[in-house]
Amino acid sequence: MYKARGTKYSRVKMMSKLEELIEKGKQNIAFVGTPCEIRAVRKIQQQLLHDFPSVKITVLGLFCYEAFIYEKLKNETEKLLGVDLDKAEKTQIRRGKYIVQVDGKEYSCRVKDLNNAVENGCAYCDDFVALLADVSVGSVGSRDGYSTVIVRSDVGKKLVEDVNFIKGDIVIEEVKKISALKKKRAKKYFVPLLQEHPSPV
């Protein structure tokens, strides 16, 4: 699991992998994903309760403002920073900057400069902190090198209670600010759709 640490700012086909694990008879599954993926897992989990009552899924949600299409992100990284994303040792988004580390050197640009690589559906998502997860994790609100951890369920509480965390202060206002911005953006994109297709009275 330690080898799988790190971040790639793109979506992968997690639902098919979840189905594959269940078909193989796995009983305890941990799922790490973005808020939209967490929502899908919870829907699937409701169905599984009927068909596979012994399967237990622990859900870890990542703070996410938007995800990227990998090939487009790779192209934008090459164009803006002059580096190959496939060779990156580390990537991160922090305080509005997209940072890529290659050969021990950091290259960065504004996240706003990557709009061409953003997944189309992200504009309609209003969940920044993975509200339906057992535990939510992200860098917003904590200092460099630390993560903000939000426990949301008894399952999440049990998962983290025996972990020897190095605790520090968080700036909850930063988390609230980004959450509000994402909700505002989603509302902005949904309004035209609702005007085009009003609900029947």
C-alpha atoms as a PDB file:
ATOM      1  CA  MET A   1       0.000   0.000   0.000  1.00  0.00           C
ATOM      2  CA  TYR A   2       2.899   2.363   0.774  1.00  0.00           C
ATOM      3  CA  LYS A   3       4.107   2.032  -2.830  1.00  0.00           C
ATOM      4  CA  ALA A   4       0.732   3.295  -4.053  1.00  0.00           C
ATOM      5  CA  ARG A   5       0.990   6.597  -2.174  1.00  0.00           C
ATOM      6  CA  GLY A   6       0.960   9.883  -4.029  1.00  0.00           C
ATOM      7  CA  THR A   7      -1.452  11.795  -6.234  1.00  0.00           C
ATOM      8  CA  LYS A   8      -2.489  11.716  -9.864  1.00  0.00           C
ATOM      9  CA  TYR A   9      -4.990  14.439 -10.723  1.00  0.00           C
ATOM     10  CA  SER A  10      -7.134  12.347 -13.041  1.00  0.00           C
ATOM     11  CA  ARG A  11     -10.037   9.931 -12.798  1.00  0.00           C
ATOM     12  CA  VAL A  12      -9.670   6.181 -13.236  1.00  0.00           C
ATOM     13  CA  LYS A  13     -12.274   3.469 -13.748  1.00  0.00           C
ATOM     14  CA  MET A  14     -12.844   2.587 -10.103  1.00  0.00           C
ATOM     15  CA  MET A  15     -16.379   1.209 -10.425  1.00  0.00           C
ATOM     16  CA  SER A  16     -15.329  -1.666 -12.694  1.00  0.00           C
ATOM     17  CA  LYS A  17     -12.485  -2.477 -10.287  1.00  0.00           C
ATOM     18  CA  LEU A  18     -14.929  -2.548  -7.373  1.00  0.00           C
ATOM     19  CA  GLU A  19     -17.159  -4.947  -9.288  1.00  0.00           C
ATOM     20  CA  GLU A  20     -14.142  -7.129 -10.082  1.00  0.00           C
ATOM     21  CA  LEU A  21     -13.157  -7.374  -6.402  1.00  0.00           C
ATOM     22  CA  ILE A  22     -16.665  -8.330  -5.340  1.00  0.00           C
ATOM     23  CA  GLU A  23     -16.872 -11.006  -8.031  1.00  0.00           C
ATOM     24  CA  LYS A  24     -13.585 -12.419  -6.700  1.00  0.00           C
ATOM     25  CA  GLY A  25     -15.236 -12.810  -3.291  1.00  0.00           C
ATOM     26  CA  LYS A  26     -13.399 -10.033  -1.446  1.00  0.00           C
ATOM     27  CA  GLN A  27     -15.214  -9.190   1.788  1.00  0.00           C
ATOM     28  CA  ASN A  28     -13.338  -6.138   3.093  1.00  0.00           C
ATOM     29  CA  ILE A  29     -12.655  -3.425   0.552  1.00  0.00           C
ATOM     30  CA  ALA A  30     -11.161   0.040   1.048  1.00  0.00           C
ATOM     31  CA  PHE A  31     -12.046   2.581  -1.619  1.00  0.00           C
ATOM     32  CA  VAL A  32     -10.184   5.859  -2.148  1.00  0.00           C
ATOM     33  CA  GLY A  33     -11.733   8.375  -4.504  1.00  0.00           C
ATOM     34  CA  THR A  34     -12.949  11.847  -5.349  1.00  0.00           C
ATOM     35  CA  PRO A  35     -16.370  13.096  -4.162  1.00  0.00           C
ATOM     36  CA  CYS A  36     -18.160  12.069  -7.389  1.00  0.00           C
ATOM     37  CA  GLU A  37     -16.677   8.579  -7.151  1.00  0.00           C
ATOM     38  CA  ILE A  38     -17.616   8.354  -3.465  1.00  0.00           C
ATOM     39  CA  ARG A  39     -21.232   9.174  -4.346  1.00  0.00           C
ATOM     40  CA  ALA A  40     -21.258   6.377  -6.936  1.00  0.00           C
ATOM     41  CA  VAL A  41     -19.749   3.886  -4.469  1.00  0.00           C
ATOM     42  CA  ARG A  42     -22.413   4.680  -1.880  1.00  0.00           C
ATOM     43  CA  LYS A  43     -25.147   4.019  -4.450  1.00  0.00           C
ATOM     44  CA  ILE A  44     -23.542   0.700  -5.364  1.00  0.00           C
ATOM     45  CA  GLN A  45     -23.122  -0.108  -1.677  1.00  0.00           C
ATOM     46  CA  GLN A  46     -26.875   0.233  -1.125  1.00  0.00           C
ATOM     47  CA  GLN A  47     -27.463  -2.444  -3.759  1.00  0.00           C
ATOM     48  CA  LEU A  48     -24.745  -4.663  -2.341  1.00  0.00           C
ATOM     49  CA  LEU A  49     -26.399  -4.702   1.067  1.00  0.00           C
ATOM     50  CA  HIS A  50     -29.151  -6.802  -0.471  1.00  0.00           C
ATOM     51  CA  ASP A  51     -27.063  -9.060  -2.721  1.00  0.00           C
ATOM     52  CA  PHE A  52     -23.788  -9.281  -0.765  1.00  0.00           C
ATOM     53  CA  PRO A  53     -24.569  -8.442   2.889  1.00  0.00           C
ATOM     54  CA  SER A  54     -21.168  -9.652   4.121  1.00  0.00           C
ATOM     55  CA  VAL A  55     -19.170  -7.233   1.948  1.00  0.00           C
ATOM     56  CA  LYS A  56     -17.828  -4.269   3.916  1.00  0.00           C
ATOM     57  CA  ILE A  57     -16.614  -1.171   2.070  1.00  0.00           C
ATOM     58  CA  THR A  58     -14.605   1.504   3.859  1.00  0.00           C
ATOM     59  CA  VAL A  59     -14.699   4.749   1.904  1.00  0.00           C
ATOM     60  CA  LEU A  60     -11.902   7.332   1.968  1.00  0.00           C
ATOM     61  CA  GLY A  61     -12.703  10.584   0.190  1.00  0.00           C
ATOM     62  CA  LEU A  62     -10.235  13.078  -1.221  1.00  0.00           C
ATOM     63  CA  PHE A  63     -10.783  16.823  -1.241  1.00  0.00           C
ATOM     64  CA  CYS A  64     -11.341  17.663  -4.892  1.00  0.00           C
ATOM     65  CA  TYR A  65     -12.135  20.898  -6.698  1.00  0.00           C
ATOM     66  CA  GLU A  66     -11.771  19.334 -10.152  1.00  0.00           C
ATOM     67  CA  ALA A  67     -10.199  16.347 -11.892  1.00  0.00           C
ATOM     68  CA  PHE A  68      -8.247  16.290 -15.139  1.00  0.00           C
ATOM     69  CA  ILE A  69      -8.176  14.187 -18.295  1.00  0.00           C
ATOM     70  CA  TYR A  70      -4.705  12.679 -18.050  1.00  0.00           C
ATOM     71  CA  GLU A  71      -3.649  13.004 -21.682  1.00  0.00           C
ATOM     72  CA  LYS A  72      -4.780  16.623 -21.781  1.00  0.00           C
ATOM     73  CA  LEU A  73      -3.039  17.333 -18.470  1.00  0.00           C
ATOM     74  CA  LYS A  74       0.107  15.725 -19.838  1.00  0.00           C
ATOM     75  CA  ASN A  75      -0.064  17.965 -22.919  1.00  0.00           C
ATOM     76  CA  GLU A  76      -0.671  21.106 -20.835  1.00  0.00           C
ATOM     77  CA  THR A  77       2.196  20.193 -18.484  1.00  0.00           C
ATOM     78  CA  GLU A  78       4.518  19.807 -21.456  1.00  0.00           C
ATOM     79  CA  LYS A  79       3.333  23.078 -22.992  1.00  0.00           C
ATOM     80  CA  LEU A  80       3.329  25.221 -19.833  1.00  0.00           C
ATOM     81  CA  LEU A  81       6.180  23.718 -17.823  1.00  0.00           C
ATOM     82  CA  GLY A  82       8.301  21.949 -20.434  1.00  0.00           C
ATOM     83  CA  VAL A  83       8.368  18.640 -18.537  1.00  0.00           C
ATOM     84  CA  ASP A  84       7.028  15.129 -19.145  1.00  0.00           C
ATOM     85  CA  LEU A  85       4.276  14.300 -16.654  1.00  0.00           C
ATOM     86  CA  ASP A  86       5.040  10.574 -16.993  1.00  0.00           C
ATOM     87  CA  LYS A  87       8.459  11.251 -15.461  1.00  0.00           C
ATOM     88  CA  ALA A  88       7.112  13.204 -12.486  1.00  0.00           C
ATOM     89  CA  GLU A  89       8.256  12.033  -9.056  1.00  0.00           C
ATOM     90  CA  LYS A  90       5.519  14.053  -7.378  1.00  0.00           C
ATOM     91  CA  THR A  91       2.564  16.232  -8.351  1.00  0.00           C
ATOM     92  CA  GLN A  92       0.442  18.397  -6.106  1.00  0.00           C
ATOM     93  CA  ILE A  93      -1.960  21.296  -6.081  1.00  0.00           C
ATOM     94  CA  ARG A  94      -1.402  23.766  -3.294  1.00  0.00           C
ATOM     95  CA  ARG A  95      -2.721  27.297  -2.782  1.00  0.00           C
ATOM     96  CA  GLY A  96      -3.849  27.667  -6.371  1.00  0.00           C
ATOM     97  CA  LYS A  97      -0.623  26.285  -7.856  1.00  0.00           C
ATOM     98  CA  TYR A  98      -0.067  23.087  -9.825  1.00  0.00           C
ATOM     99  CA  ILE A  99       3.368  21.737  -8.883  1.00  0.00           C
ATOM    100  CA  VAL A 100       5.297  18.988 -10.670  1.00  0.00           C
ATOM    101  CA  GLN A 101       8.589  17.588  -9.395  1.00  0.00           C
ATOM    102  CA  VAL A 102      10.965  16.021 -11.945  1.00  0.00           C
ATOM    103  CA  ASP A 103      14.556  15.000 -11.136  1.00  0.00           C
ATOM    104  CA  GLY A 104      14.282  16.748  -7.778  1.00  0.00           C
ATOM    105  CA  LYS A 105      13.330  20.090  -9.340  1.00  0.00           C
ATOM    106  CA  GLU A 106       9.910  21.733  -8.981  1.00  0.00           C
ATOM    107  CA  TYR A 107       7.994  23.334 -11.827  1.00  0.00           C
ATOM    108  CA  SER A 108       4.721  25.177 -11.278  1.00  0.00           C
ATOM    109  CA  CYS A 109       1.936  27.191 -12.875  1.00  0.00           C
ATOM    110  CA  ARG A 110      -1.478  28.448 -11.823  1.00  0.00           C
ATOM    111  CA  VAL A 111      -4.185  25.793 -11.634  1.00  0.00           C
ATOM    112  CA  LYS A 112      -6.370  28.182 -13.637  1.00  0.00           C
ATOM    113  CA  ASP A 113      -3.981  27.727 -16.574  1.00  0.00           C
ATOM    114  CA  LEU A 114      -5.047  24.061 -16.806  1.00  0.00           C
ATOM    115  CA  ASN A 115      -8.721  24.690 -17.648  1.00  0.00           C
ATOM    116  CA  ASN A 116      -8.342  22.959 -21.024  1.00  0.00           C
ATOM    117  CA  ALA A 117      -7.582  19.682 -19.237  1.00  0.00           C
ATOM    118  CA  VAL A 118     -10.459  19.719 -16.709  1.00  0.00           C
ATOM    119  CA  GLU A 119     -13.118  16.996 -16.896  1.00  0.00           C
ATOM    120  CA  ASN A 120     -16.343  18.467 -18.305  1.00  0.00           C
ATOM    121  CA  GLY A 121     -18.555  17.174 -15.492  1.00  0.00           C
ATOM    122  CA  CYS A 122     -16.521  18.797 -12.714  1.00  0.00           C
ATOM    123  CA  ALA A 123     -18.248  22.144 -13.193  1.00  0.00           C
ATOM    124  CA  TYR A 124     -21.535  20.593 -12.032  1.00  0.00           C
ATOM    125  CA  CYS A 125     -20.187  18.984  -8.842  1.00  0.00           C
ATOM    126  CA  ASP A 126     -20.827  20.881  -5.593  1.00  0.00           C
ATOM    127  CA  ASP A 127     -18.980  18.562  -3.189  1.00  0.00           C
ATOM    128  CA  PHE A 128     -15.395  19.538  -2.326  1.00  0.00           C
ATOM    129  CA  VAL A 129     -14.842  17.504   0.847  1.00  0.00           C
ATOM    130  CA  ALA A 130     -16.401  14.110  -0.033  1.00  0.00           C
ATOM    131  CA  LEU A 131     -19.346  14.427   2.336  1.00  0.00           C
ATOM    132  CA  LEU A 132     -20.402  10.784   1.930  1.00  0.00           C
ATOM    133  CA  ALA A 133     -17.020   9.281   2.843  1.00  0.00           C
ATOM    134  CA  ASP A 134     -16.136   7.566   6.120  1.00  0.00           C
ATOM    135  CA  VAL A 135     -13.003   9.713   6.273  1.00  0.00           C
ATOM    136  CA  SER A 136     -12.176  12.749   4.128  1.00  0.00           C
ATOM    137  CA  VAL A 137      -8.560  13.791   3.499  1.00  0.00           C
ATOM    138  CA  GLY A 138      -6.968  16.785   1.792  1.00  0.00           C
ATOM    139  CA  SER A 139      -4.194  19.336   2.041  1.00  0.00           C
ATOM    140  CA  VAL A 140      -6.435  22.415   2.273  1.00  0.00           C
ATOM    141  CA  GLY A 141      -6.478  23.882   5.773  1.00  0.00           C
ATOM    142  CA  SER A 142      -3.235  22.292   6.931  1.00  0.00           C
ATOM    143  CA  ARG A 143       0.379  23.392   6.636  1.00  0.00           C
ATOM    144  CA  ASP A 144       2.848  21.951   4.117  1.00  0.00           C
ATOM    145  CA  GLY A 145       3.586  18.281   4.680  1.00  0.00           C
ATOM    146  CA  TYR A 146       0.354  17.672   6.600  1.00  0.00           C
ATOM    147  CA  SER A 147      -3.186  16.687   5.651  1.00  0.00           C
ATOM    148  CA  THR A 148      -6.562  17.711   6.990  1.00  0.00           C
ATOM    149  CA  VAL A 149      -8.513  14.633   8.137  1.00  0.00           C
ATOM    150  CA  ILE A 150     -12.281  14.719   8.727  1.00  0.00           C
ATOM    151  CA  VAL A 151     -13.925  11.692  10.356  1.00  0.00           C
ATOM    152  CA  ARG A 152     -17.523  11.326   9.178  1.00  0.00           C
ATOM    153  CA  SER A 153     -18.800   7.978  10.457  1.00  0.00           C
ATOM    154  CA  ASP A 154     -18.330   5.310  13.118  1.00  0.00           C
ATOM    155  CA  VAL A 155     -16.493   3.241  10.508  1.00  0.00           C
ATOM    156  CA  GLY A 156     -14.140   6.163   9.925  1.00  0.00           C
ATOM    157  CA  LYS A 157     -13.645   6.709  13.632  1.00  0.00           C
ATOM    158  CA  LYS A 158     -12.698   3.077  14.132  1.00  0.00           C
ATOM    159  CA  LEU A 159     -10.293   3.263  11.190  1.00  0.00           C
ATOM    160  CA  VAL A 160      -8.293   6.210  12.532  1.00  0.00           C
ATOM    161  CA  GLU A 161      -8.527   5.749  16.298  1.00  0.00           C
ATOM    162  CA  ASP A 162      -5.454   3.494  16.462  1.00  0.00           C
ATOM    163  CA  VAL A 163      -3.350   5.556  14.036  1.00  0.00           C
ATOM    164  CA  ASN A 164      -0.537   7.501  15.668  1.00  0.00           C
ATOM    165  CA  PHE A 165      -1.147  10.855  13.972  1.00  0.00           C
ATOM    166  CA  ILE A 166       1.053  13.886  14.445  1.00  0.00           C
ATOM    167  CA  LYS A 167      -1.652  16.406  15.229  1.00  0.00           C
ATOM    168  CA  GLY A 168      -1.577  20.058  14.288  1.00  0.00           C
ATOM    169  CA  ASP A 169      -3.864  23.019  13.892  1.00  0.00           C
ATOM    170  CA  ILE A 170      -6.031  23.424  10.813  1.00  0.00           C
ATOM    171  CA  VAL A 171      -7.545  26.538   9.314  1.00  0.00           C
ATOM    172  CA  ILE A 172     -11.128  25.406   8.842  1.00  0.00           C
ATOM    173  CA  GLU A 173     -11.995  28.695   7.129  1.00  0.00           C
ATOM    174  CA  GLU A 174      -9.824  27.657   4.160  1.00  0.00           C
ATOM    175  CA  VAL A 175     -11.800  24.429   3.760  1.00  0.00           C
ATOM    176  CA  LYS A 176     -15.103  26.288   4.041  1.00  0.00           C
ATOM    177  CA  LYS A 177     -13.966  28.886   1.505  1.00  0.00           C
ATOM    178  CA  ILE A 178     -13.083  26.333  -1.201  1.00  0.00           C
ATOM    179  CA  SER A 179     -16.257  24.357  -0.452  1.00  0.00           C
ATOM    180  CA  ALA A 180     -18.341  27.504  -0.919  1.00  0.00           C
ATOM    181  CA  LEU A 181     -16.568  28.354  -4.186  1.00  0.00           C
ATOM    182  CA  LYS A 182     -17.288  24.889  -5.580  1.00  0.00           C
ATOM    183  CA  LYS A 183     -20.962  25.096  -4.602  1.00  0.00           C
ATOM    184  CA  LYS A 184     -21.202  28.531  -6.189  1.00  0.00           C
ATOM    185  CA  ARG A 185     -19.641  27.275  -9.426  1.00  0.00           C
ATOM    186  CA  ALA A 186     -21.984  24.290  -9.608  1.00  0.00           C
ATOM    187  CA  LYS A 187     -24.997  26.526  -9.070  1.00  0.00           C
ATOM    188  CA  LYS A 188     -23.784  28.849 -11.826  1.00  0.00           C
ATOM    189  CA  TYR A 189     -23.589  25.974 -14.321  1.00  0.00           C
ATOM    190  CA  PHE A 190     -26.886  24.385 -13.271  1.00  0.00           C
ATOM    191  CA  VAL A 191     -28.997  27.560 -13.530  1.00  0.00           C
ATOM    192  CA  PRO A 192     -28.971  27.704 -17.364  1.00  0.00           C
ATOM    193  CA  LEU A 193     -29.913  24.010 -17.526  1.00  0.00           C
ATOM    194  CA  LEU A 194     -32.844  24.529 -15.182  1.00  0.00           C
ATOM    195  CA  GLN A 195     -34.000  27.508 -17.224  1.00  0.00           C
ATOM    196  CA  GLU A 196     -33.879  25.461 -20.430  1.00  0.00           C
ATOM    197  CA  HIS A 197     -35.633  22.474 -18.857  1.00  0.00           C
ATOM    198  CA  PRO A 198     -37.930  23.700 -16.050  1.00  0.00           C
ATOM    199  CA  SER A 199     -39.464  21.089 -13.776  1.00  0.00           C
ATOM    200  CA  PRO A 200     -43.131  20.271 -14.470  1.00  0.00           C
ATOM    201  CA  VAL A 201     -45.542  21.791 -11.945  1.00  0.00           C
END
